Amino acid sequence: MGKKHKRRIDEAEPGVEGGDEEGAPAGRLKKKVYERELKGLGVELVKLQEWVKHTGHRLVVIFEGRDAAGKGGAIKAISQSLSARVCRVVALTAPSEREKTQWYFQRYAPHLPSAGEIVLFDRSWYNRAGVERVMAFCTEDEYREFLRSCPEFERMLVRSGIQLVKYWFSVSDEEQERRFQARLDDPTKHWKLSPMDLESRSRWVEYSRAKAEMFSHTATNQAPWSVVEADDKRAARLNLISHLLGLIPYKDIAREKIALPRRQKDGSYVRPPMTDQTFVPRRH
């Protein structure tokens, strides 16, 4: 499925010349092409959802990468087509003092899926190999123990029947700087820039080293990493969704045709006076 989708993008050459995202370099996927392709993938995601519910499949998808690499946008592109009862997004805050004393993976375990659920981790237990490592929020012993135990933890998940998919969003130095600047210029996006984001920008090389070491220890046959080239946000989302769909042997689950029932007649019902209700003011 992923290969078929890629051919469609490659054939639509006019759609990939001259991106129309404000401030984005030329050559990015155009919005019309993106929306058309995403609509088709959305249909497939719904089929996947119904298959997951029907079969009791358990799916975990991890989204990792540098700040402003596009993880949140990709998660939204997936989840917006799906039911919140089936597809959950998990984005944990910094651990509490109590959680810091627990087994490291303990705070993540309650968020793992039950039968018929999809869980999307917007960052995950890999915080220890990234921000905690670079910012010295953990000790050297804690870090080394994570590198030893993480592959075993993930093998346990896979053996238990959970399908684990891990994505790393790769963004260039220049593109990250452009996105950070765009956030600074847009008051509605200031919240996306935390002091930690700015600090990570100044430690680009350290994060690169940490990512390389993380890959060398945690890219296993049972749970490999898949790198998403993310300088073009729209193309990155389409490529990721196509790839994800191609990893899962879902089938179209036949559903009964839906027919809207006739509305109940008013009968003796008398609507209360409109003046008894408080309405939102019409300001637009």
Protein backbone atom coordinates (compact mmCIF):
# COMPACT_ATOMS: atom_id res chain seq x y z
CA MET A 1 0.00 0.00 0.00
CA GLY A 2 2.85 2.41 0.85
CA LYS A 3 4.55 1.82 -2.50
CA LYS A 4 1.33 2.31 -4.42
CA HIS A 5 0.75 5.62 -2.68
CA LYS A 6 4.31 6.79 -3.39
CA ARG A 7 3.81 6.18 -7.11
CA ARG A 8 0.73 8.41 -7.04
CA ILE A 9 2.75 11.23 -5.50
CA ASP A 10 5.61 10.77 -7.95
CA GLU A 11 3.22 10.88 -10.89
CA ALA A 12 1.70 14.15 -9.69
CA GLU A 13 4.74 16.25 -10.50
CA PRO A 14 2.83 19.56 -10.74
CA GLY A 15 1.78 19.04 -7.16
CA VAL A 16 5.30 18.91 -5.78
CA GLU A 17 6.74 22.00 -7.45
CA GLY A 18 6.66 25.21 -5.46
CA GLY A 19 5.26 24.46 -1.99
CA ASP A 20 2.51 26.86 -0.89
CA GLU A 21 3.18 26.77 2.87
CA GLU A 22 4.02 30.32 3.91
CA GLY A 23 7.77 30.76 4.12
CA ALA A 24 8.46 27.18 3.03
CA PRO A 25 11.09 26.52 0.36
CA ALA A 26 9.92 25.64 -3.13
CA GLY A 27 9.50 21.98 -3.98
CA ARG A 28 7.12 21.14 -1.12
CA LEU A 29 3.95 19.16 -1.69
CA LYS A 30 1.05 21.45 -2.54
CA LYS A 31 -1.95 21.69 -0.26
CA LYS A 32 -4.48 20.47 -2.84
CA VAL A 33 -2.45 17.35 -3.60
CA TYR A 34 -1.91 16.73 0.10
CA GLU A 35 -5.59 17.05 0.97
CA ARG A 36 -6.62 14.75 -1.87
CA GLU A 37 -4.15 12.07 -0.86
CA LEU A 38 -4.92 12.42 2.84
CA LYS A 39 -8.62 11.96 2.20
CA GLY A 40 -7.98 8.62 0.52
CA LEU A 41 -5.65 7.53 3.31
CA GLY A 42 -8.28 8.58 5.84
CA VAL A 43 -10.68 6.05 4.33
CA GLU A 44 -8.03 3.36 4.77
CA LEU A 45 -7.39 4.43 8.36
CA VAL A 46 -11.09 3.97 9.14
CA LYS A 47 -10.94 0.49 7.61
CA LEU A 48 -7.93 -0.19 9.82
CA GLN A 49 -9.83 1.05 12.86
CA GLU A 50 -12.80 -1.24 12.18
CA TRP A 51 -10.46 -4.19 11.65
CA VAL A 52 -8.65 -3.44 14.92
CA LYS A 53 -11.98 -3.36 16.76
CA HIS A 54 -13.21 -6.53 15.07
CA THR A 55 -10.05 -8.58 15.63
CA GLY A 56 -8.97 -7.20 19.02
CA HIS A 57 -5.62 -6.15 17.58
CA ARG A 58 -3.41 -4.01 19.83
CA LEU A 59 -1.26 -1.37 18.16
CA VAL A 60 1.29 1.05 19.62
CA VAL A 61 2.88 3.71 17.43
CA ILE A 62 5.74 5.78 18.84
CA PHE A 63 6.55 9.23 17.44
CA GLU A 64 10.00 10.56 18.28
CA GLY A 65 12.26 13.20 16.79
CA ARG A 66 13.64 16.67 17.28
CA ASP A 67 11.45 19.55 18.42
CA ALA A 68 9.37 21.01 15.58
CA ALA A 69 9.99 17.94 13.42
CA GLY A 70 6.26 17.50 12.80
CA LYS A 71 5.29 14.71 15.19
CA GLY A 72 2.15 16.43 16.44
CA GLY A 73 0.89 17.20 12.95
CA ALA A 74 1.36 13.61 11.86
CA ILE A 75 -0.48 12.32 14.93
CA LYS A 76 -3.35 14.70 14.24
CA ALA A 77 -3.49 13.61 10.58
CA ILE A 78 -4.01 10.04 11.79
CA SER A 79 -6.30 10.58 14.76
CA GLN A 80 -8.65 13.11 13.13
CA SER A 81 -10.23 10.34 11.06
CA LEU A 82 -10.60 7.92 13.96
CA SER A 83 -12.77 7.43 17.02
CA ALA A 84 -11.27 8.57 20.31
CA ARG A 85 -12.69 5.38 21.81
CA VAL A 86 -10.38 3.31 19.61
CA CYS A 87 -7.41 5.59 18.97
CA ARG A 88 -5.83 7.31 21.98
CA VAL A 89 -3.03 9.88 21.95
CA VAL A 90 -0.65 9.73 24.92
CA ALA A 91 1.57 12.74 25.62
CA LEU A 92 2.89 12.50 29.16
CA THR A 93 4.28 15.47 31.06
CA ALA A 94 7.49 15.37 33.09
CA PRO A 95 7.43 12.65 35.76
CA SER A 96 6.30 13.54 39.27
CA GLU A 97 8.55 13.08 42.28
CA ARG A 98 6.73 9.84 43.04
CA GLU A 99 7.08 8.57 39.47
CA LYS A 100 10.81 9.25 39.56
CA THR A 101 11.12 6.59 42.27
CA GLN A 102 9.27 3.92 40.23
CA TRP A 103 10.53 1.42 37.71
CA TYR A 104 11.19 3.61 34.68
CA PHE A 105 8.63 1.97 32.36
CA GLN A 106 5.93 1.86 35.04
CA ARG A 107 4.33 5.20 34.14
CA TYR A 108 3.97 4.14 30.52
CA ALA A 109 2.50 0.68 31.12
CA PRO A 110 -1.02 1.89 32.11
CA HIS A 111 -1.35 3.59 28.73
CA LEU A 112 -0.68 0.49 26.65
CA PRO A 113 -3.64 -0.69 24.55
CA SER A 114 -6.28 -3.23 25.45
CA ALA A 115 -7.85 -5.41 22.77
CA GLY A 116 -9.19 -3.35 19.88
CA GLU A 117 -7.20 -0.21 20.66
CA ILE A 118 -4.59 1.97 18.95
CA VAL A 119 -2.27 4.11 21.06
CA LEU A 120 -0.18 6.90 19.57
CA PHE A 121 2.68 8.00 21.83
CA ASP A 122 3.65 11.64 21.26
CA ARG A 123 7.11 11.02 22.71
CA SER A 124 7.52 7.96 24.87
CA TRP A 125 9.89 6.06 27.12
CA TYR A 126 12.63 7.22 24.74
CA ASN A 127 12.72 10.50 26.66
CA ARG A 128 15.43 8.86 28.72
CA ALA A 129 17.63 8.33 25.68
CA GLY A 130 16.98 11.87 24.40
CA VAL A 131 16.18 14.88 26.55
CA GLU A 132 17.03 13.18 29.85
CA ARG A 133 20.39 12.10 28.53
CA VAL A 134 21.33 15.41 26.93
CA MET A 135 20.01 17.62 29.75
CA ALA A 136 21.43 15.36 32.49
CA PHE A 137 18.00 14.68 33.99
CA CYS A 138 19.11 11.11 34.65
CA THR A 139 22.31 9.59 35.92
CA GLU A 140 24.78 7.74 33.74
CA ASP A 141 23.78 4.47 35.42
CA GLU A 142 20.08 5.13 34.77
CA TYR A 143 20.84 5.89 31.13
CA ARG A 144 22.92 2.75 30.62
CA GLU A 145 20.28 0.64 32.33
CA PHE A 146 17.67 2.05 29.95
CA LEU A 147 19.73 1.08 26.92
CA ARG A 148 20.00 -2.47 28.31
CA SER A 149 16.40 -2.90 29.44
CA CYS A 150 14.50 -1.06 26.68
CA PRO A 151 14.98 -3.77 24.01
CA GLU A 152 13.87 -6.40 26.52
CA PHE A 153 10.83 -4.35 27.51
CA GLU A 154 9.83 -3.97 23.88
CA ARG A 155 10.36 -7.67 23.16
CA MET A 156 7.99 -8.40 26.05
CA LEU A 157 5.36 -6.14 24.49
CA VAL A 158 5.72 -7.84 21.12
CA ARG A 159 5.59 -11.32 22.65
CA SER A 160 2.40 -10.35 24.48
CA GLY A 161 0.75 -9.63 21.13
CA ILE A 162 1.17 -5.85 20.92
CA GLN A 163 2.31 -4.56 17.53
CA LEU A 164 4.96 -1.90 18.16
CA VAL A 165 5.86 0.61 15.45
CA LYS A 166 8.52 3.29 16.04
CA TYR A 167 9.00 6.41 13.92
CA TRP A 168 11.83 8.93 14.09
CA PHE A 169 11.15 12.30 12.44
CA SER A 170 14.30 13.64 10.82
CA VAL A 171 14.41 17.38 10.19
CA SER A 172 17.31 19.49 8.97
CA ASP A 173 18.95 22.23 10.98
CA GLU A 174 17.73 24.87 8.53
CA GLU A 175 14.14 23.64 8.53
CA GLN A 176 13.95 23.43 12.32
CA GLU A 177 15.20 27.02 12.57
CA ARG A 178 12.55 28.14 10.06
CA ARG A 179 9.80 26.44 12.04
CA PHE A 180 11.01 27.87 15.34
CA GLN A 181 11.02 31.34 13.82
CA ALA A 182 7.50 30.82 12.47
CA ARG A 183 6.35 29.94 15.98
CA LEU A 184 7.96 33.07 17.36
CA ASP A 185 6.13 35.16 14.75
CA ASP A 186 2.71 33.58 15.42
CA PRO A 187 1.07 34.38 18.81
CA THR A 188 -1.13 31.27 18.52
CA LYS A 189 1.99 29.07 18.43
CA HIS A 190 4.06 30.61 21.23
CA TRP A 191 2.99 27.76 23.53
CA LYS A 192 4.81 25.34 21.24
CA LEU A 193 8.15 26.89 22.17
CA SER A 194 9.21 25.92 25.67
CA PRO A 195 12.52 26.87 27.33
CA MET A 196 13.50 23.22 26.84
CA ASP A 197 12.89 23.51 23.07
CA LEU A 198 15.17 26.52 22.88
CA GLU A 199 17.84 24.81 24.96
CA SER A 200 17.70 21.73 22.71
CA ARG A 201 18.32 23.99 19.72
CA SER A 202 21.66 25.01 21.20
CA ARG A 203 22.58 21.34 21.76
CA TRP A 204 21.96 20.06 18.24
CA VAL A 205 25.16 17.99 18.07
CA GLU A 206 24.60 16.43 21.50
CA TYR A 207 21.11 15.35 20.46
CA SER A 208 22.55 13.89 17.27
CA ARG A 209 24.99 11.79 19.26
CA ALA A 210 22.24 10.69 21.64
CA LYS A 211 19.98 9.67 18.77
CA ALA A 212 22.75 7.65 17.11
CA GLU A 213 23.50 5.77 20.33
CA MET A 214 19.80 5.19 20.96
CA PHE A 215 19.39 3.68 17.50
CA SER A 216 22.41 1.43 17.94
CA HIS A 217 20.95 -0.12 21.09
CA THR A 218 17.20 -0.13 20.42
CA ALA A 219 16.76 -0.85 16.70
CA THR A 220 15.93 -4.55 16.99
CA ASN A 221 14.34 -7.06 14.64
CA GLN A 222 11.23 -7.12 16.81
CA ALA A 223 10.96 -3.32 17.05
CA PRO A 224 12.98 -1.51 14.36
CA TRP A 225 13.09 2.24 13.85
CA SER A 226 11.64 3.79 10.68
CA VAL A 227 12.99 7.24 9.81
CA VAL A 228 10.59 9.80 8.36
CA GLU A 229 12.16 12.55 6.24
CA ALA A 230 10.20 15.48 7.67
CA ASP A 231 11.41 18.70 6.04
CA ASP A 232 8.21 18.61 3.96
CA LYS A 233 5.48 18.19 6.59
CA ARG A 234 2.75 17.19 4.19
CA ALA A 235 4.77 14.61 2.34
CA ALA A 236 6.05 13.27 5.66
CA ARG A 237 2.51 12.68 6.93
CA LEU A 238 1.41 10.92 3.76
CA ASN A 239 4.53 8.76 3.65
CA LEU A 240 4.17 7.77 7.29
CA ILE A 241 0.48 6.87 7.04
CA SER A 242 1.09 4.86 3.87
CA HIS A 243 3.95 3.03 5.56
CA LEU A 244 1.91 2.35 8.70
CA LEU A 245 -1.01 0.96 6.72
CA GLY A 246 1.38 -1.29 4.83
CA LEU A 247 2.65 -2.82 8.08
CA ILE A 248 -0.76 -4.07 9.22
CA PRO A 249 -2.67 -6.91 7.50
CA TYR A 250 -6.05 -5.21 7.93
CA LYS A 251 -9.07 -6.04 5.82
CA ASP A 252 -12.24 -4.18 5.00
CA ILE A 253 -14.80 -5.36 7.57
CA ALA A 254 -18.28 -5.57 6.06
CA ARG A 255 -20.83 -3.47 7.95
CA GLU A 256 -24.59 -3.50 7.82
CA LYS A 257 -26.09 -0.75 5.72
CA ILE A 258 -27.27 2.16 7.81
CA ALA A 259 -30.76 3.57 7.28
CA LEU A 260 -31.90 6.66 9.14
CA PRO A 261 -35.10 5.98 11.10
CA ARG A 262 -38.01 8.34 10.78
CA ARG A 263 -38.09 11.01 13.41
CA GLN A 264 -40.61 10.62 16.20
CA LYS A 265 -43.65 12.84 15.72
CA ASP A 266 -44.00 15.81 18.04
CA GLY A 267 -47.28 14.52 19.46
CA SER A 268 -48.17 16.30 22.66
CA TYR A 269 -44.68 17.76 23.21
CA VAL A 270 -44.69 21.52 23.70
CA ARG A 271 -41.35 23.28 23.37
CA PRO A 272 -40.52 25.64 26.26
CA PRO A 273 -40.40 29.36 25.46
CA MET A 274 -37.19 30.48 23.77
CA THR A 275 -36.90 33.24 26.37
CA ASP A 276 -36.27 30.60 29.04
CA GLN A 277 -32.95 29.72 27.42
CA THR A 278 -29.60 31.49 27.36
CA PHE A 279 -28.01 31.70 23.93
CA VAL A 280 -24.45 32.40 22.87
CA PRO A 281 -24.30 36.01 21.59
CA ARG A 282 -24.09 36.37 17.81
CA ARG A 283 -20.87 38.29 17.29
CA HIS A 284 -19.92 36.85 13.90
